[in-house]
N, C-alpha and C. Protein backbone atom coordinates (compact mmCIF):
# COMPACT_ATOMS: atom_id res chain seq x y z
N MET A 1 180.96 9.92 86.33
CA MET A 1 180.57 10.28 84.95
C MET A 1 181.07 11.02 84.32
N SER A 2 181.15 10.70 82.98
CA SER A 2 181.82 11.35 82.10
C SER A 2 181.36 12.38 81.78
N LYS A 3 182.04 12.76 81.00
CA LYS A 3 180.66 14.24 80.61
C LYS A 3 180.64 14.18 79.72
N SER A 4 180.14 13.30 78.61
CA SER A 4 179.50 13.23 77.60
C SER A 4 178.02 12.55 78.36
N LYS A 5 178.18 11.26 79.77
CA LYS A 5 177.30 11.31 79.75
C LYS A 5 176.26 12.09 80.94
N VAL A 6 177.13 13.22 81.33
CA VAL A 6 176.62 13.96 82.57
C VAL A 6 175.36 14.55 81.24
N PHE A 7 176.14 15.08 80.10
CA PHE A 7 175.82 16.05 78.40
C PHE A 7 174.67 15.42 78.43
N ALA A 8 173.97 14.31 78.36
CA ALA A 8 173.45 13.39 77.36
C ALA A 8 171.93 13.15 78.63
N ALA A 9 172.47 13.48 80.30
CA ALA A 9 171.48 13.35 80.70
C ALA A 9 170.98 14.49 80.91
N SER A 10 171.71 15.64 81.41
CA SER A 10 171.19 17.06 81.08
C SER A 10 170.65 16.95 79.56
N ALA A 11 170.28 16.82 78.53
CA ALA A 11 169.95 17.29 77.55
C ALA A 11 168.77 16.60 77.40
N VAL A 12 168.65 14.92 78.24
CA VAL A 12 167.07 14.42 78.14
C VAL A 12 166.03 15.27 79.20
N ALA A 13 166.66 15.52 80.45
CA ALA A 13 166.17 16.10 81.28
C ALA A 13 165.87 17.77 80.93
N LEU A 14 166.25 18.51 80.42
CA LEU A 14 165.92 19.25 79.75
C LEU A 14 164.88 19.43 78.18
N ALA A 15 164.72 18.13 77.37
CA ALA A 15 163.31 18.47 76.78
C ALA A 15 162.42 18.06 77.50
N MET A 16 162.47 16.96 78.17
CA MET A 16 161.50 16.67 79.24
C MET A 16 160.63 17.73 79.60
N LEU A 17 161.29 18.57 79.68
CA LEU A 17 160.60 19.95 80.61
C LEU A 17 160.27 20.72 79.81
N ALA A 18 160.90 20.57 78.64
CA ALA A 18 160.51 22.09 77.41
C ALA A 18 159.19 21.28 77.07
N GLY A 19 159.03 19.92 77.16
CA GLY A 19 157.74 19.38 75.95
C GLY A 19 156.62 20.01 76.70
N PRO A 20 156.32 19.91 78.25
CA PRO A 20 155.06 20.19 78.08
C PRO A 20 155.43 21.60 78.34
N ALA A 21 155.89 22.38 78.87
CA ALA A 21 155.84 23.69 78.46
C ALA A 21 155.13 24.77 76.85
N LEU A 22 155.79 23.82 76.19
CA LEU A 22 154.62 23.98 74.44
C LEU A 22 153.61 23.45 74.40
N ALA A 23 152.16 22.84 74.97
CA ALA A 23 151.29 23.10 74.98
C ALA A 23 150.86 24.00 75.72
N GLU A 24 149.73 23.82 74.90
CA GLU A 24 148.77 25.14 76.15
C GLU A 24 147.51 24.11 76.60
N ASP A 25 147.22 25.43 77.73
CA ASP A 25 146.24 25.09 79.05
C ASP A 25 144.40 25.01 78.17
N LEU A 26 143.98 24.34 77.54
CA LEU A 26 142.81 24.27 76.92
C LEU A 26 142.09 25.26 77.87
N VAL A 27 140.88 26.08 77.81
CA VAL A 27 140.29 26.66 78.65
C VAL A 27 138.47 27.54 78.38
N PHE A 28 138.14 26.62 78.97
CA PHE A 28 135.78 27.24 78.42
C PHE A 28 135.46 26.90 79.40
N GLN A 29 134.72 27.86 78.84
CA GLN A 29 132.89 27.95 79.89
C GLN A 29 132.28 26.67 79.81
N LEU A 30 132.36 26.26 81.05
CA LEU A 30 131.11 24.99 81.31
C LEU A 30 129.89 25.59 81.84
N LYS A 31 128.68 25.52 80.99
CA LYS A 31 127.42 26.29 81.39
C LYS A 31 126.37 25.06 81.48
N ASN A 32 125.50 24.66 82.89
CA ASN A 32 125.11 23.84 83.15
C ASN A 32 123.36 23.97 82.93
N GLY A 33 123.18 23.85 81.21
CA GLY A 33 122.10 23.75 81.67
C GLY A 33 120.42 22.37 81.58
N THR A 34 121.10 22.55 82.69
CA THR A 34 120.05 21.40 83.11
C THR A 34 119.36 21.67 84.39
N ASN A 35 118.28 20.71 84.50
CA ASN A 35 118.11 21.37 86.11
C ASN A 35 118.44 20.35 87.81
N SER A 36 118.98 19.75 87.45
CA SER A 36 120.15 18.88 87.75
C SER A 36 121.27 19.04 88.40
N VAL A 37 121.91 19.04 89.72
CA VAL A 37 123.49 19.65 89.92
C VAL A 37 124.11 18.55 89.93
N LEU A 38 125.16 19.09 88.69
CA LEU A 38 126.11 17.76 88.74
C LEU A 38 127.76 18.28 88.69
N THR A 39 127.72 16.67 89.45
CA THR A 39 128.07 17.17 90.47
C THR A 39 129.93 16.36 90.36
N ARG A 40 130.17 15.84 89.00
CA ARG A 40 132.10 15.51 88.82
C ARG A 40 131.55 15.76 87.03
N PHE A 41 133.04 16.67 86.55
CA PHE A 41 133.17 16.28 85.45
C PHE A 41 134.75 15.78 84.74
N HIS A 42 134.66 14.82 84.12
CA HIS A 42 136.60 14.20 83.86
C HIS A 42 135.84 14.69 82.45
N THR A 43 137.15 14.44 81.89
CA THR A 43 137.50 14.65 80.82
C THR A 43 139.14 13.55 80.50
N SER A 44 138.98 12.90 79.48
CA SER A 44 139.93 11.83 78.74
C SER A 44 140.28 12.44 77.75
N PRO A 45 141.82 12.63 76.82
CA PRO A 45 142.36 12.56 75.52
C PRO A 45 141.16 10.87 74.11
N VAL A 46 141.12 11.75 73.84
CA VAL A 46 140.27 10.34 72.97
C VAL A 46 141.09 9.40 72.71
N GLY A 47 140.91 8.30 72.85
CA GLY A 47 142.11 6.38 72.50
C GLY A 47 142.29 6.78 74.00
N VAL A 48 142.07 7.44 75.13
CA VAL A 48 142.57 7.06 75.93
C VAL A 48 141.16 6.73 76.99
N ASP A 49 141.76 5.33 76.79
CA ASP A 49 141.50 4.50 78.05
C ASP A 49 140.71 4.41 79.48
N LYS A 50 141.02 5.18 80.21
CA LYS A 50 140.53 5.94 81.43
C LYS A 50 140.55 7.52 81.60
N TRP A 51 139.83 7.47 82.29
CA TRP A 51 138.84 8.65 82.89
C TRP A 51 140.63 9.64 83.73
N GLU A 52 140.50 10.80 83.68
CA GLU A 52 141.55 11.78 84.18
C GLU A 52 140.34 12.25 86.11
N ASP A 53 140.85 12.26 86.66
CA ASP A 53 140.61 13.39 87.83
C ASP A 53 139.57 14.13 87.96
N ASP A 54 138.91 14.21 88.65
CA ASP A 54 137.13 14.75 88.53
C ASP A 54 137.88 16.11 88.31
N VAL A 55 137.69 16.90 87.23
CA VAL A 55 138.22 18.53 87.08
C VAL A 55 137.21 19.35 88.22
N PHE A 56 136.20 18.64 88.80
CA PHE A 56 135.82 20.21 89.31
C PHE A 56 136.34 19.93 90.88
N GLY A 57 137.07 19.03 91.31
CA GLY A 57 136.75 18.16 93.01
C GLY A 57 136.35 18.92 93.92
N GLU A 58 135.97 19.51 94.90
CA GLU A 58 135.44 19.76 95.25
C GLU A 58 134.25 20.90 95.25
N GLN A 59 134.17 20.88 94.54
CA GLN A 59 132.56 22.21 93.10
C GLN A 59 132.22 21.42 92.95
N VAL A 60 130.65 22.21 92.41
CA VAL A 60 130.02 21.39 92.00
C VAL A 60 129.12 22.07 91.70
N LEU A 61 128.48 22.25 89.88
CA LEU A 61 127.92 23.47 89.20
C LEU A 61 126.40 23.19 89.12
N ASN A 62 125.96 23.84 89.65
CA ASN A 62 124.20 24.01 90.46
C ASN A 62 123.63 24.27 88.56
N PRO A 63 122.23 24.12 88.68
CA PRO A 63 121.67 24.54 87.38
C PRO A 63 122.13 25.53 86.72
N GLY A 64 122.51 26.33 85.66
CA GLY A 64 122.03 27.28 85.06
C GLY A 64 123.49 28.14 85.35
N GLU A 65 123.94 27.23 86.20
CA GLU A 65 125.65 28.29 86.50
C GLU A 65 126.68 28.13 85.29
N THR A 66 127.37 28.74 85.72
CA THR A 66 128.67 28.37 84.37
C THR A 66 130.16 28.30 84.83
N MET A 67 131.19 27.96 84.74
CA MET A 67 132.33 27.64 85.80
C MET A 67 133.05 27.59 84.48
N GLU A 68 134.58 28.31 84.54
CA GLU A 68 135.80 28.34 83.64
C GLU A 68 135.78 27.60 84.19
N ILE A 69 136.75 26.12 82.98
CA ILE A 69 137.32 25.01 82.88
C ILE A 69 138.45 25.19 82.42
N THR A 70 139.88 24.53 82.96
CA THR A 70 141.04 24.74 82.16
C THR A 70 141.57 22.76 82.21
N ILE A 71 141.17 23.12 81.23
CA ILE A 71 142.45 21.20 80.62
C ILE A 71 143.73 22.06 80.76
N ALA A 72 144.90 21.04 82.24
CA ALA A 72 146.45 21.55 81.98
C ALA A 72 146.77 20.73 81.81
N ASP A 73 146.53 19.87 81.09
CA ASP A 73 147.61 18.18 81.45
C ASP A 73 148.93 18.59 80.82
N GLY A 74 149.33 19.28 80.08
CA GLY A 74 150.25 19.60 79.27
C GLY A 74 150.54 18.62 77.98
N ARG A 75 149.49 18.34 77.32
CA ARG A 75 149.49 16.59 76.39
C ARG A 75 149.04 18.26 75.28
N ASP A 76 149.35 17.81 74.10
CA ASP A 76 148.48 18.80 72.73
C ASP A 76 148.41 18.06 72.19
N VAL A 77 147.24 18.32 72.11
CA VAL A 77 145.96 17.52 71.16
C VAL A 77 144.74 17.86 71.39
N CYS A 78 144.02 17.97 70.86
CA CYS A 78 142.53 18.85 71.03
C CYS A 78 140.90 18.04 71.32
N ASN A 79 141.40 16.51 70.73
CA ASN A 79 140.02 16.49 70.74
C ASN A 79 139.66 15.22 72.27
N TYR A 80 138.45 15.53 73.47
CA TYR A 80 138.95 15.22 74.33
C TYR A 80 137.69 14.79 74.68
N ASP A 81 137.09 13.60 75.03
CA ASP A 81 135.97 12.64 75.90
C ASP A 81 136.10 13.44 77.47
N MET A 82 134.51 13.76 77.37
CA MET A 82 133.24 14.01 78.60
C MET A 82 132.59 13.28 79.07
N ARG A 83 133.02 13.59 80.17
CA ARG A 83 131.54 12.89 81.36
C ARG A 83 131.49 13.31 82.00
N PHE A 84 129.89 13.75 82.27
CA PHE A 84 129.03 13.80 83.32
C PHE A 84 128.61 13.81 84.36
N GLU A 85 128.10 13.40 85.17
CA GLU A 85 127.94 13.05 86.22
C GLU A 85 126.86 13.73 87.39
N PHE A 86 125.52 13.73 87.22
CA PHE A 86 124.72 14.28 87.93
C PHE A 86 124.44 13.34 89.78
N THR A 87 123.94 14.02 90.42
CA THR A 87 123.44 13.58 92.34
C THR A 87 123.22 12.31 91.85
N GLU A 88 122.94 11.43 92.72
CA GLU A 88 121.92 10.79 92.45
C GLU A 88 120.56 10.41 92.72
N ASP A 89 119.75 11.72 93.09
CA ASP A 89 118.23 12.00 93.11
C ASP A 89 118.15 12.47 91.70
N SER A 90 119.26 12.58 90.57
CA SER A 90 119.10 13.10 89.35
C SER A 90 118.42 12.79 88.99
N ASP A 91 117.08 12.65 87.60
CA ASP A 91 116.79 12.26 86.65
C ASP A 91 117.96 11.67 85.33
N LEU A 92 118.89 12.06 85.64
CA LEU A 92 119.94 12.18 84.43
C LEU A 92 120.63 11.10 84.86
N ASP A 93 121.28 9.94 83.93
CA ASP A 93 122.16 9.48 83.67
C ASP A 93 123.36 10.15 83.37
N THR A 94 124.94 9.31 83.55
CA THR A 94 125.51 9.74 83.46
C THR A 94 126.05 10.18 82.05
N THR A 95 125.96 10.79 81.42
CA THR A 95 126.18 11.74 80.16
C THR A 95 127.65 11.73 79.75
N THR A 96 128.01 11.52 78.19
CA THR A 96 128.98 11.57 78.13
C THR A 96 129.25 11.85 76.42
N ASP A 97 130.06 12.85 76.00
CA ASP A 97 130.19 14.12 74.75
C ASP A 97 131.91 13.68 74.69
N THR A 98 132.13 14.11 72.83
CA THR A 98 133.90 13.98 72.85
C THR A 98 133.23 15.49 71.86
N GLN A 99 134.64 16.33 72.15
CA GLN A 99 135.14 17.79 71.63
C GLN A 99 136.34 18.06 71.37
N ASP A 100 136.77 19.26 70.74
CA ASP A 100 137.26 20.02 70.22
C ASP A 100 137.56 20.60 71.04
N LEU A 101 138.49 20.94 72.04
CA LEU A 101 138.83 21.94 73.22
C LEU A 101 139.40 23.25 72.87
N CYS A 102 140.23 22.59 71.64
CA CYS A 102 140.80 23.83 70.91
C CYS A 102 140.08 24.80 70.84
N GLU A 103 138.61 24.51 70.17
CA GLU A 103 138.17 25.35 69.37
C GLU A 103 137.16 25.86 69.90
N LEU A 104 136.72 25.06 71.12
CA LEU A 104 135.38 25.36 71.90
C LEU A 104 135.56 26.76 72.80
N GLY A 105 134.98 27.43 72.77
CA GLY A 105 134.89 28.56 74.12
C GLY A 105 133.53 28.09 74.88
N GLU A 106 132.62 27.85 74.86
CA GLU A 106 131.55 27.51 75.39
C GLU A 106 130.76 26.09 74.84
N TYR A 107 130.14 24.98 76.26
CA TYR A 107 130.18 23.58 76.40
C TYR A 107 128.88 24.17 77.45
N THR A 108 127.87 24.02 76.61
CA THR A 108 126.60 24.14 77.51
C THR A 108 126.31 22.20 77.44
N ILE A 109 125.80 21.73 78.41
CA ILE A 109 124.87 20.31 78.95
C ILE A 109 123.94 20.23 78.89
N HIS A 110 123.40 19.56 78.52
CA HIS A 110 121.06 19.41 77.89
C HIS A 110 120.78 18.18 78.85
N GLU A 111 119.72 18.49 79.05
CA GLU A 111 119.09 17.46 79.52
C GLU A 111 118.62 16.74 78.22
């Protein structure tokens, strides 16, 4: 491979690595202000037609509890759609909302 091709490939690889490092993680407190257990929490940047993975993983958020949420997806956007899912025996339906997560310090989900 010629030196110019190696240099070009290296420059592209370096640019790809440097891009996500510039984006900051989005961190906020999520409080469950309902009387139901919040079992799943999904986010997705506004305009993306597919929900990202469940932020909670194996955890749940019980009524009245607060959890620190970190969105570390490497994106440089602030506006996210959020999806909240509750236990099957809950009276609450799946709820969605859109927020500017860069400006959000705390979010409380209400009934």
